[in-house]
C-alpha atoms as a PDB file:
ATOM      1  CA  MET A   1      30.481  69.471 -62.682  1.00  0.00           C
ATOM      2  CA  ALA A   2      31.021  72.726 -61.673  1.00  0.00           C
ATOM      3  CA  CYS A   3      33.895  73.968 -59.148  1.00  0.00           C
ATOM      4  CA  ARG A   4      34.638  72.956 -56.430  1.00  0.00           C
ATOM      5  CA  GLY A   5      37.987  74.344 -56.052  1.00  0.00           C
ATOM      6  CA  ARG A   6      39.499  71.568 -55.530  1.00  0.00           C
ATOM      7  CA  ARG A   7      41.055  68.729 -57.992  1.00  0.00           C
ATOM      8  CA  PRO A   8      38.803  65.539 -58.245  1.00  0.00           C
ATOM      9  CA  GLU A   9      40.500  62.937 -56.559  1.00  0.00           C
ATOM     10  CA  HIS A  10      38.588  60.019 -57.337  1.00  0.00           C
ATOM     11  CA  GLY A  11      36.114  57.671 -59.213  1.00  0.00           C
ATOM     12  CA  GLY A  12      33.149  57.462 -60.491  1.00  0.00           C
ATOM     13  CA  PRO A  13      30.656  59.903 -62.451  1.00  0.00           C
ATOM     14  CA  PRO A  14      29.970  63.526 -61.572  1.00  0.00           C
ATOM     15  CA  GLU A  15      26.185  63.249 -61.554  1.00  0.00           C
ATOM     16  CA  LEU A  16      26.994  60.610 -57.999  1.00  0.00           C
ATOM     17  CA  PHE A  17      29.640  62.502 -56.540  1.00  0.00           C
ATOM     18  CA  TYR A  18      28.206  65.440 -56.581  1.00  0.00           C
ATOM     19  CA  ASP A  19      25.086  64.447 -54.352  1.00  0.00           C
ATOM     20  CA  GLN A  20      22.779  66.556 -51.780  1.00  0.00           C
ATOM     21  CA  ASN A  21      25.745  66.466 -48.996  1.00  0.00           C
ATOM     22  CA  GLU A  22      28.049  67.520 -51.687  1.00  0.00           C
ATOM     23  CA  ALA A  23      25.685  70.524 -53.038  1.00  0.00           C
ATOM     24  CA  ARG A  24      25.396  71.694 -49.065  1.00  0.00           C
ATOM     25  CA  LYS A  25      29.056  72.445 -48.726  1.00  0.00           C
ATOM     26  CA  TYR A  26      29.012  74.880 -51.714  1.00  0.00           C
ATOM     27  CA  MET A  27      26.145  76.826 -49.760  1.00  0.00           C
ATOM     28  CA  ARG A  28      28.363  77.140 -46.575  1.00  0.00           C
ATOM     29  CA  ASN A  29      31.358  76.308 -47.128  1.00  0.00           C
ATOM     30  CA  SER A  30      32.951  80.054 -47.277  1.00  0.00           C
ATOM     31  CA  ARG A  31      36.319  78.359 -48.436  1.00  0.00           C
ATOM     32  CA  MET A  32      34.918  77.209 -51.202  1.00  0.00           C
ATOM     33  CA  ILE A  33      32.567  79.786 -51.950  1.00  0.00           C
ATOM     34  CA  ASP A  34      35.896  82.140 -51.740  1.00  0.00           C
ATOM     35  CA  VAL A  35      37.872  79.752 -54.409  1.00  0.00           C
ATOM     36  CA  GLN A  36      35.076  80.000 -56.775  1.00  0.00           C
ATOM     37  CA  THR A  37      34.058  83.366 -57.025  1.00  0.00           C
ATOM     38  CA  LYS A  38      38.249  84.256 -57.132  1.00  0.00           C
ATOM     39  CA  MET A  39      38.441  81.512 -60.343  1.00  0.00           C
ATOM     40  CA  THR A  40      34.966  83.043 -62.146  1.00  0.00           C
ATOM     41  CA  GLY A  41      36.374  86.636 -61.653  1.00  0.00           C
ATOM     42  CA  ARG A  42      39.679  85.323 -63.055  1.00  0.00           C
ATOM     43  CA  ALA A  43      38.031  83.757 -65.983  1.00  0.00           C
ATOM     44  CA  LEU A  44      35.732  86.726 -67.091  1.00  0.00           C
ATOM     45  CA  GLU A  45      38.864  88.947 -66.877  1.00  0.00           C
ATOM     46  CA  LEU A  46      40.463  86.482 -69.313  1.00  0.00           C
ATOM     47  CA  LEU A  47      37.093  86.494 -71.279  1.00  0.00           C
ATOM     48  CA  ASP A  48      37.808  90.201 -72.176  1.00  0.00           C
ATOM     49  CA  LEU A  49      34.088  91.204 -72.586  1.00  0.00           C
ATOM     50  CA  PRO A  50      33.467  94.736 -74.128  1.00  0.00           C
ATOM     51  CA  ASP A  51      33.914  97.576 -71.066  1.00  0.00           C
ATOM     52  CA  GLY A  52      29.833  97.990 -69.798  1.00  0.00           C
ATOM     53  CA  LYS A  53      28.180  95.804 -72.149  1.00  0.00           C
ATOM     54  CA  PRO A  54      25.719  93.304 -70.602  1.00  0.00           C
ATOM     55  CA  CYS A  55      26.167  89.820 -72.546  1.00  0.00           C
ATOM     56  CA  PHE A  56      24.746  86.540 -72.659  1.00  0.00           C
ATOM     57  CA  LEU A  57      26.873  83.505 -71.392  1.00  0.00           C
ATOM     58  CA  LEU A  58      27.241  80.210 -71.256  1.00  0.00           C
ATOM     59  CA  ASP A  59      28.412  78.842 -68.001  1.00  0.00           C
ATOM     60  CA  ILE A  60      28.639  75.298 -68.013  1.00  0.00           C
ATOM     61  CA  GLY A  61      29.259  72.569 -65.400  1.00  0.00           C
ATOM     62  CA  CYS A  62      27.092  75.735 -63.130  1.00  0.00           C
ATOM     63  CA  GLY A  63      26.404  73.500 -60.057  1.00  0.00           C
ATOM     64  CA  THR A  64      24.802  75.823 -57.049  1.00  0.00           C
ATOM     65  CA  GLY A  65      24.935  78.576 -59.241  1.00  0.00           C
ATOM     66  CA  LEU A  66      27.735  80.786 -57.437  1.00  0.00           C
ATOM     67  CA  SER A  67      29.927  81.697 -60.704  1.00  0.00           C
ATOM     68  CA  GLY A  68      26.667  82.514 -62.108  1.00  0.00           C
ATOM     69  CA  ASP A  69      25.969  84.967 -59.342  1.00  0.00           C
ATOM     70  CA  TYR A  70      29.343  86.691 -60.132  1.00  0.00           C
ATOM     71  CA  LEU A  71      28.317  87.428 -63.632  1.00  0.00           C
ATOM     72  CA  SER A  72      24.855  88.333 -62.637  1.00  0.00           C
ATOM     73  CA  ASP A  73      27.009  91.400 -60.580  1.00  0.00           C
ATOM     74  CA  GLU A  74      28.717  92.125 -63.305  1.00  0.00           C
ATOM     75  CA  GLY A  75      25.637  92.940 -65.398  1.00  0.00           C
ATOM     76  CA  HIS A  76      25.659  89.583 -67.487  1.00  0.00           C
ATOM     77  CA  TYR A  77      23.200  87.187 -68.392  1.00  0.00           C
ATOM     78  CA  TRP A  78      23.475  83.460 -68.395  1.00  0.00           C
ATOM     79  CA  VAL A  79      22.913  79.964 -68.787  1.00  0.00           C
ATOM     80  CA  GLY A  80      23.893  77.384 -66.932  1.00  0.00           C
ATOM     81  CA  ILE A  81      24.226  73.569 -67.421  1.00  0.00           C
ATOM     82  CA  ASP A  82      25.233  70.334 -65.097  1.00  0.00           C
ATOM     83  CA  ILE A  83      24.726  67.048 -65.060  1.00  0.00           C
ATOM     84  CA  SER A  84      24.238  67.024 -61.238  1.00  0.00           C
ATOM     85  CA  LEU A  85      20.359  67.510 -60.024  1.00  0.00           C
ATOM     86  CA  ALA A  86      21.275  68.135 -56.818  1.00  0.00           C
ATOM     87  CA  MET A  87      23.722  71.037 -57.672  1.00  0.00           C
ATOM     88  CA  LEU A  88      21.029  72.442 -60.179  1.00  0.00           C
ATOM     89  CA  ASP A  89      18.069  71.898 -56.891  1.00  0.00           C
ATOM     90  CA  ALA A  90      20.514  73.642 -54.830  1.00  0.00           C
ATOM     91  CA  ALA A  91      20.928  76.476 -57.123  1.00  0.00           C
ATOM     92  CA  LEU A  92      17.443  76.953 -57.518  1.00  0.00           C
ATOM     93  CA  ASP A  93      17.172  76.890 -53.753  1.00  0.00           C
ATOM     94  CA  ARG A  94      19.651  79.851 -53.958  1.00  0.00           C
ATOM     95  CA  GLU A  95      17.121  81.669 -56.217  1.00  0.00           C
ATOM     96  CA  ALA A  96      20.317  81.932 -58.815  1.00  0.00           C
ATOM     97  CA  GLN A  97      19.048  84.254 -61.483  1.00  0.00           C
ATOM     98  CA  GLY A  98      20.206  82.747 -64.906  1.00  0.00           C
ATOM     99  CA  ASP A  99      18.642  79.600 -66.540  1.00  0.00           C
ATOM    100  CA  LEU A 100      19.545  76.331 -65.812  1.00  0.00           C
ATOM    101  CA  LEU A 101      19.502  73.052 -67.966  1.00  0.00           C
ATOM    102  CA  LEU A 102      20.119  69.278 -66.859  1.00  0.00           C
ATOM    103  CA  GLY A 103      22.417  68.121 -69.537  1.00  0.00           C
ATOM    104  CA  ASP A 104      25.930  65.864 -70.149  1.00  0.00           C
ATOM    105  CA  MET A 105      28.275  68.427 -71.905  1.00  0.00           C
ATOM    106  CA  GLY A 106      30.000  65.429 -73.625  1.00  0.00           C
ATOM    107  CA  GLN A 107      27.025  64.818 -75.218  1.00  0.00           C
ATOM    108  CA  GLY A 108      27.161  68.527 -76.879  1.00  0.00           C
ATOM    109  CA  ILE A 109      25.629  71.906 -76.397  1.00  0.00           C
ATOM    110  CA  PRO A 110      22.186  72.006 -76.744  1.00  0.00           C
ATOM    111  CA  PHE A 111      21.696  75.503 -78.072  1.00  0.00           C
ATOM    112  CA  LYS A 112      21.274  77.107 -81.506  1.00  0.00           C
ATOM    113  CA  PRO A 113      24.508  78.588 -83.430  1.00  0.00           C
ATOM    114  CA  GLY A 114      25.570  81.573 -82.158  1.00  0.00           C
ATOM    115  CA  SER A 115      23.284  81.722 -78.995  1.00  0.00           C
ATOM    116  CA  PHE A 116      26.383  83.229 -76.726  1.00  0.00           C
ATOM    117  CA  ASP A 117      28.819  86.071 -76.243  1.00  0.00           C
ATOM    118  CA  GLY A 118      31.637  83.924 -74.384  1.00  0.00           C
ATOM    119  CA  CYS A 119      31.378  80.660 -71.964  1.00  0.00           C
ATOM    120  CA  ILE A 120      33.078  80.018 -68.780  1.00  0.00           C
ATOM    121  CA  SER A 121      33.710  76.298 -67.145  1.00  0.00           C
ATOM    122  CA  ILE A 122      35.324  76.407 -63.519  1.00  0.00           C
ATOM    123  CA  SER A 123      36.490  72.780 -63.026  1.00  0.00           C
ATOM    124  CA  ALA A 124      34.721  71.210 -65.199  1.00  0.00           C
ATOM    125  CA  VAL A 125      35.875  69.338 -68.276  1.00  0.00           C
ATOM    126  CA  GLN A 126      38.827  67.575 -66.842  1.00  0.00           C
ATOM    127  CA  TRP A 127      35.869  64.867 -66.360  1.00  0.00           C
ATOM    128  CA  LEU A 128      35.302  64.138 -69.765  1.00  0.00           C
ATOM    129  CA  CYS A 129      38.677  62.557 -69.125  1.00  0.00           C
ATOM    130  CA  ASN A 130      36.884  59.676 -67.304  1.00  0.00           C
ATOM    131  CA  ALA A 131      35.165  56.567 -68.885  1.00  0.00           C
ATOM    132  CA  ASN A 132      32.677  55.451 -66.335  1.00  0.00           C
ATOM    133  CA  LYS A 133      31.071  53.416 -68.787  1.00  0.00           C
ATOM    134  CA  LYS A 134      32.472  51.196 -71.768  1.00  0.00           C
ATOM    135  CA  SER A 135      30.671  53.403 -74.370  1.00  0.00           C
ATOM    136  CA  ASP A 136      32.729  56.256 -73.094  1.00  0.00           C
ATOM    137  CA  ILE A 137      35.556  57.226 -75.349  1.00  0.00           C
ATOM    138  CA  PRO A 138      37.122  60.543 -73.530  1.00  0.00           C
ATOM    139  CA  ALA A 139      38.247  61.850 -77.093  1.00  0.00           C
ATOM    140  CA  LYS A 140      35.380  61.485 -78.722  1.00  0.00           C
ATOM    141  CA  ARG A 141      32.912  63.180 -75.770  1.00  0.00           C
ATOM    142  CA  LEU A 142      35.729  65.972 -75.748  1.00  0.00           C
ATOM    143  CA  TYR A 143      35.649  66.489 -79.641  1.00  0.00           C
ATOM    144  CA  CYS A 144      31.424  66.307 -79.147  1.00  0.00           C
ATOM    145  CA  PHE A 145      31.615  69.018 -76.227  1.00  0.00           C
ATOM    146  CA  PHE A 146      34.129  71.247 -78.285  1.00  0.00           C
ATOM    147  CA  SER A 147      32.322  71.238 -81.397  1.00  0.00           C
ATOM    148  CA  SER A 148      29.089  71.714 -80.390  1.00  0.00           C
ATOM    149  CA  LEU A 149      30.747  74.636 -77.896  1.00  0.00           C
ATOM    150  CA  TYR A 150      32.278  76.320 -81.192  1.00  0.00           C
ATOM    151  CA  SER A 151      28.512  76.175 -82.904  1.00  0.00           C
ATOM    152  CA  VAL A 152      26.737  78.106 -80.354  1.00  0.00           C
ATOM    153  CA  LEU A 153      29.601  80.824 -79.528  1.00  0.00           C
ATOM    154  CA  VAL A 154      29.163  84.043 -81.654  1.00  0.00           C
ATOM    155  CA  ARG A 155      32.206  84.446 -84.457  1.00  0.00           C
ATOM    156  CA  GLY A 156      35.033  86.117 -82.589  1.00  0.00           C
ATOM    157  CA  ALA A 157      33.560  84.811 -78.854  1.00  0.00           C
ATOM    158  CA  ARG A 158      36.101  83.204 -75.867  1.00  0.00           C
ATOM    159  CA  ALA A 159      35.552  80.777 -73.765  1.00  0.00           C
ATOM    160  CA  VAL A 160      37.354  80.080 -70.854  1.00  0.00           C
ATOM    161  CA  LEU A 161      37.544  76.510 -69.128  1.00  0.00           C
ATOM    162  CA  GLN A 162      38.918  76.605 -65.929  1.00  0.00           C
ATOM    163  CA  LEU A 163      40.180  72.825 -65.407  1.00  0.00           C
ATOM    164  CA  TYR A 164      42.823  70.917 -63.011  1.00  0.00           C
ATOM    165  CA  PRO A 165      44.169  68.348 -65.182  1.00  0.00           C
ATOM    166  CA  GLU A 166      45.717  65.236 -63.783  1.00  0.00           C
ATOM    167  CA  ASN A 167      48.820  65.209 -66.017  1.00  0.00           C
ATOM    168  CA  SER A 168      50.347  66.381 -68.795  1.00  0.00           C
ATOM    169  CA  GLU A 169      48.657  63.561 -71.351  1.00  0.00           C
ATOM    170  CA  GLN A 170      45.165  64.482 -70.247  1.00  0.00           C
ATOM    171  CA  LEU A 171      45.990  68.340 -70.636  1.00  0.00           C
ATOM    172  CA  GLU A 172      46.988  67.534 -74.095  1.00  0.00           C
ATOM    173  CA  LEU A 173      44.768  65.328 -75.010  1.00  0.00           C
ATOM    174  CA  ILE A 174      42.050  68.087 -74.282  1.00  0.00           C
ATOM    175  CA  THR A 175      43.424  70.972 -76.210  1.00  0.00           C
ATOM    176  CA  THR A 176      44.149  68.634 -79.275  1.00  0.00           C
ATOM    177  CA  GLN A 177      40.352  67.952 -79.201  1.00  0.00           C
ATOM    178  CA  ALA A 178      39.404  71.784 -78.550  1.00  0.00           C
ATOM    179  CA  ILE A 179      41.692  72.650 -81.937  1.00  0.00           C
ATOM    180  CA  ARG A 180      40.059  69.873 -83.798  1.00  0.00           C
ATOM    181  CA  ALA A 181      37.254  71.310 -83.453  1.00  0.00           C
ATOM    182  CA  GLY A 182      37.931  74.707 -85.012  1.00  0.00           C
ATOM    183  CA  PHE A 183      39.277  76.706 -81.618  1.00  0.00           C
ATOM    184  CA  THR A 184      42.062  78.337 -81.532  1.00  0.00           C
ATOM    185  CA  GLY A 185      44.201  79.523 -78.189  1.00  0.00           C
ATOM    186  CA  GLY A 186      46.546  78.254 -75.448  1.00  0.00           C
ATOM    187  CA  VAL A 187      46.888  77.367 -71.765  1.00  0.00           C
ATOM    188  CA  VAL A 188      47.110  79.882 -69.506  1.00  0.00           C
ATOM    189  CA  VAL A 189      48.578  79.099 -66.006  1.00  0.00           C
ATOM    190  CA  ASP A 190      48.591  80.832 -63.384  1.00  0.00           C
ATOM    191  CA  TYR A 191      51.003  81.262 -60.255  1.00  0.00           C
ATOM    192  CA  PRO A 192      53.227  78.215 -62.023  1.00  0.00           C
ATOM    193  CA  ASN A 193      55.350  77.894 -59.558  1.00  0.00           C
ATOM    194  CA  SER A 194      53.079  77.539 -56.316  1.00  0.00           C
ATOM    195  CA  ALA A 195      51.888  74.288 -55.674  1.00  0.00           C
ATOM    196  CA  LYS A 196      48.728  74.949 -53.359  1.00  0.00           C
ATOM    197  CA  ALA A 197      47.358  78.179 -56.229  1.00  0.00           C
ATOM    198  CA  LYS A 198      48.689  76.995 -59.474  1.00  0.00           C
ATOM    199  CA  LYS A 199      45.630  77.173 -62.261  1.00  0.00           C
ATOM    200  CA  PHE A 200      45.021  76.328 -65.268  1.00  0.00           C
ATOM    201  CA  TYR A 201      42.826  78.279 -67.819  1.00  0.00           C
ATOM    202  CA  LEU A 202      42.356  76.987 -70.996  1.00  0.00           C
ATOM    203  CA  CYS A 203      41.242  80.218 -73.086  1.00  0.00           C
ATOM    204  CA  LEU A 204      40.080  79.174 -76.617  1.00  0.00           C
ATOM    205  CA  PHE A 205      38.804  81.913 -79.305  1.00  0.00           C
ATOM    206  CA  SER A 206      36.315  81.070 -82.278  1.00  0.00           C
ATOM    207  CA  GLY A 207      37.129  83.733 -84.494  1.00  0.00           C
ATOM    208  CA  PRO A 208      40.716  84.519 -85.699  1.00  0.00           C
ATOM    209  CA  SER A 209      44.045  84.106 -83.290  1.00  0.00           C
ATOM    210  CA  THR A 210      44.900  86.836 -81.238  1.00  0.00           C
ATOM    211  CA  PHE A 211      47.364  86.824 -78.307  1.00  0.00           C
ATOM    212  CA  LEU A 212      47.035  84.884 -75.448  1.00  0.00           C
ATOM    213  CA  PRO A 213      46.706  86.639 -72.266  1.00  0.00           C
ATOM    214  CA  LYS A 214      49.614  86.246 -69.754  1.00  0.00           C
ATOM    215  CA  GLY A 215      49.436  84.349 -66.406  1.00  0.00           C
ATOM    216  CA  LEU A 216      49.743  85.992 -62.875  1.00  0.00           C
ATOM    217  CA  ASN A 217      53.391  85.113 -61.355  1.00  0.00           C
ATOM    218  CA  GLU A 218      53.127  86.724 -58.248  1.00  0.00           C
ATOM    219  CA  ILE A 219      51.274  85.924 -55.080  1.00  0.00           C
ATOM    220  CA  LYS A 220      51.376  86.910 -51.607  1.00  0.00           C
ATOM    221  CA  GLU A 221      52.358  84.307 -48.789  1.00  0.00           C
ATOM    222  CA  GLU A 222      48.933  84.989 -46.926  1.00  0.00           C
ATOM    223  CA  GLU A 223      46.691  84.946 -49.752  1.00  0.00           C
ATOM    224  CA  GLU A 224      48.867  81.153 -50.893  1.00  0.00           C
ATOM    225  CA  ALA A 225      48.239  79.991 -47.470  1.00  0.00           C
ATOM    226  CA  LYS A 226      44.317  80.840 -47.498  1.00  0.00           C
ATOM    227  CA  GLU A 227      44.236  79.066 -50.865  1.00  0.00           C
ATOM    228  CA  SER A 228      44.917  76.010 -48.900  1.00  0.00           C
ATOM    229  CA  THR A 229      43.265  75.997 -45.642  1.00  0.00           C
ATOM    230  CA  PHE A 230      39.946  74.119 -45.177  1.00  0.00           C
ATOM    231  CA  THR A 231      36.721  75.359 -42.691  1.00  0.00           C
ATOM    232  CA  ASN A 232      33.673  74.506 -42.525  1.00  0.00           C
ATOM    233  CA  LYS A 233      32.930  77.386 -40.288  1.00  0.00           C
ATOM    234  CA  ARG A 234      30.133  79.534 -40.660  1.00  0.00           C
ATOM    235  CA  VAL A 235      31.080  82.851 -40.964  1.00  0.00           C
ATOM    236  CA  PRO A 236      29.514  85.260 -43.743  1.00  0.00           C
ATOM    237  CA  HIS A 237      30.841  85.564 -47.172  1.00  0.00           C
ATOM    238  CA  ARG A 238      32.073  88.553 -48.504  1.00  0.00           C
ATOM    239  CA  ILE A 239      33.202  89.080 -51.648  1.00  0.00           C
ATOM    240  CA  ALA A 240      35.855  92.132 -51.922  1.00  0.00           C
ATOM    241  CA  ARG A 241      35.958  93.607 -55.532  1.00  0.00           C
ATOM    242  CA  SER A 242      36.631  96.583 -56.929  1.00  0.00           C
ATOM    243  CA  GLY A 243      37.496  97.667 -52.676  1.00  0.00           C
ATOM    244  CA  VAL A 244      33.815  97.185 -52.059  1.00  0.00           C
ATOM    245  CA  VAL A 245      32.723  94.379 -49.693  1.00  0.00           C
ATOM    246  CA  ARG A 246      29.287  93.063 -50.462  1.00  0.00           C
ATOM    247  CA  LYS A 247      27.513  90.803 -47.464  1.00  0.00           C
ATOM    248  CA  MET A 248      26.093  88.010 -48.793  1.00  0.00           C
ATOM    249  CA  LYS A 249      22.076  86.653 -47.888  1.00  0.00           C
ATOM    250  CA  THR A 250      21.478  89.995 -45.402  1.00  0.00           C
ATOM    251  CA  ARG A 251      18.020  91.444 -45.801  1.00  0.00           C
ATOM    252  CA  GLU A 252      19.396  93.920 -47.570  1.00  0.00           C
ATOM    253  CA  TRP A 253      21.355  92.369 -50.103  1.00  0.00           C
ATOM    254  CA  VAL A 254      18.311  89.843 -51.080  1.00  0.00           C
ATOM    255  CA  LEU A 255      16.066  93.303 -51.550  1.00  0.00           C
ATOM    256  CA  GLU A 256      18.375  94.415 -54.162  1.00  0.00           C
ATOM    257  CA  LYS A 257      18.612  91.047 -55.860  1.00  0.00           C
ATOM    258  CA  LYS A 258      15.087  90.710 -56.113  1.00  0.00           C
ATOM    259  CA  GLU A 259      14.796  94.448 -57.488  1.00  0.00           C
ATOM    260  CA  ARG A 260      17.609  93.890 -59.717  1.00  0.00           C
ATOM    261  CA  ARG A 261      15.348  90.437 -61.119  1.00  0.00           C
ATOM    262  CA  ARG A 262      12.625  93.109 -61.299  1.00  0.00           C
ATOM    263  CA  ARG A 263      14.092  95.493 -63.789  1.00  0.00           C
ATOM    264  CA  GLN A 264      15.313  92.358 -65.662  1.00  0.00           C
ATOM    265  CA  GLY A 265      11.312  91.698 -66.028  1.00  0.00           C
ATOM    266  CA  LYS A 266      11.713  88.506 -64.022  1.00  0.00           C
ATOM    267  CA  GLU A 267       8.431  87.160 -61.864  1.00  0.00           C
ATOM    268  CA  VAL A 268       9.836  88.175 -58.393  1.00  0.00           C
ATOM    269  CA  ARG A 269       7.446  87.566 -55.211  1.00  0.00           C
ATOM    270  CA  PRO A 270       6.624  90.561 -53.394  1.00  0.00           C
ATOM    271  CA  ASP A 271       8.889  91.571 -50.167  1.00  0.00           C
ATOM    272  CA  THR A 272       7.273  90.783 -47.058  1.00  0.00           C
ATOM    273  CA  GLN A 273       8.636  90.528 -43.276  1.00  0.00           C
ATOM    274  CA  TYR A 274      10.465  87.160 -43.766  1.00  0.00           C
ATOM    275  CA  THR A 275      12.040  88.506 -47.077  1.00  0.00           C
ATOM    276  CA  GLY A 276      15.925  87.564 -45.828  1.00  0.00           C
ATOM    277  CA  ARG A 277      15.284  85.966 -42.537  1.00  0.00           C
ATOM    278  CA  LYS A 278      17.474  83.182 -41.247  1.00  0.00           C
ATOM    279  CA  ARG A 279      16.481  79.979 -41.890  1.00  0.00           C
ATOM    280  CA  LYS A 280      17.183  76.638 -39.269  1.00  0.00           C
ATOM    281  CA  PRO A 281      20.202  75.215 -40.833  1.00  0.00           C
ATOM    282  CA  TYR A 282      19.923  71.552 -42.511  1.00  0.00           C
ATOM    283  CA  PHE A 283      20.616  68.421 -40.596  1.00  0.00           C
END
């Protein structure tokens, strides 16, 4: 159910659409990785977490763990849930640092009340508007999702859900069920005048109402062009954040990631001469 940085213009359930071939795209396609990373950064910004305090977050529709990697790099701990086994297998292959759970968010979030300090989701919630079988009633599945999400969040916590609504009716259906479940908040729209870069973020508050963040309005032409450009070139993915450019999948990056996991008390394989080596591509 995770990102995937584009609007799902197809039928069928997500667990079938996001198969092994689709999962590989999120491990190779630099454009998809870049879009996912940017939207995760924006969602984390809207979450407005305390500065310098590691938080325990829920990533709904975590997919291959790209958004989770961003959360880890920012010092947070996370649990991801996704309905696609192929995407979760890819996350394990990437050694995603969060805990992963196979599950259907439309059947509720299976955690104890008050478990999480916040929640993000990248391009997943709109899937609940689809009825893939007779027993699927979108309004009921949305309410089950939002009511359970409200329960698992610490009081006063936020949930920021990036989504691609097909139309205004679908967006109204989603927001109505969120409010019915107890949330306050609303929709933040970034770049509303751009057909290519426009993004919707549903910002939900599990406590008293607060001011809704403002959407972004200015976008550089080259950024908008990049947003709409697809590529399958296998180039090293770089994440630019706070003026720092980090090369992923180099030996140094892998060693740093393993050392961070050791400090977190997790079991990590010993470093060898083969650590961080390049592997043969899939065919």
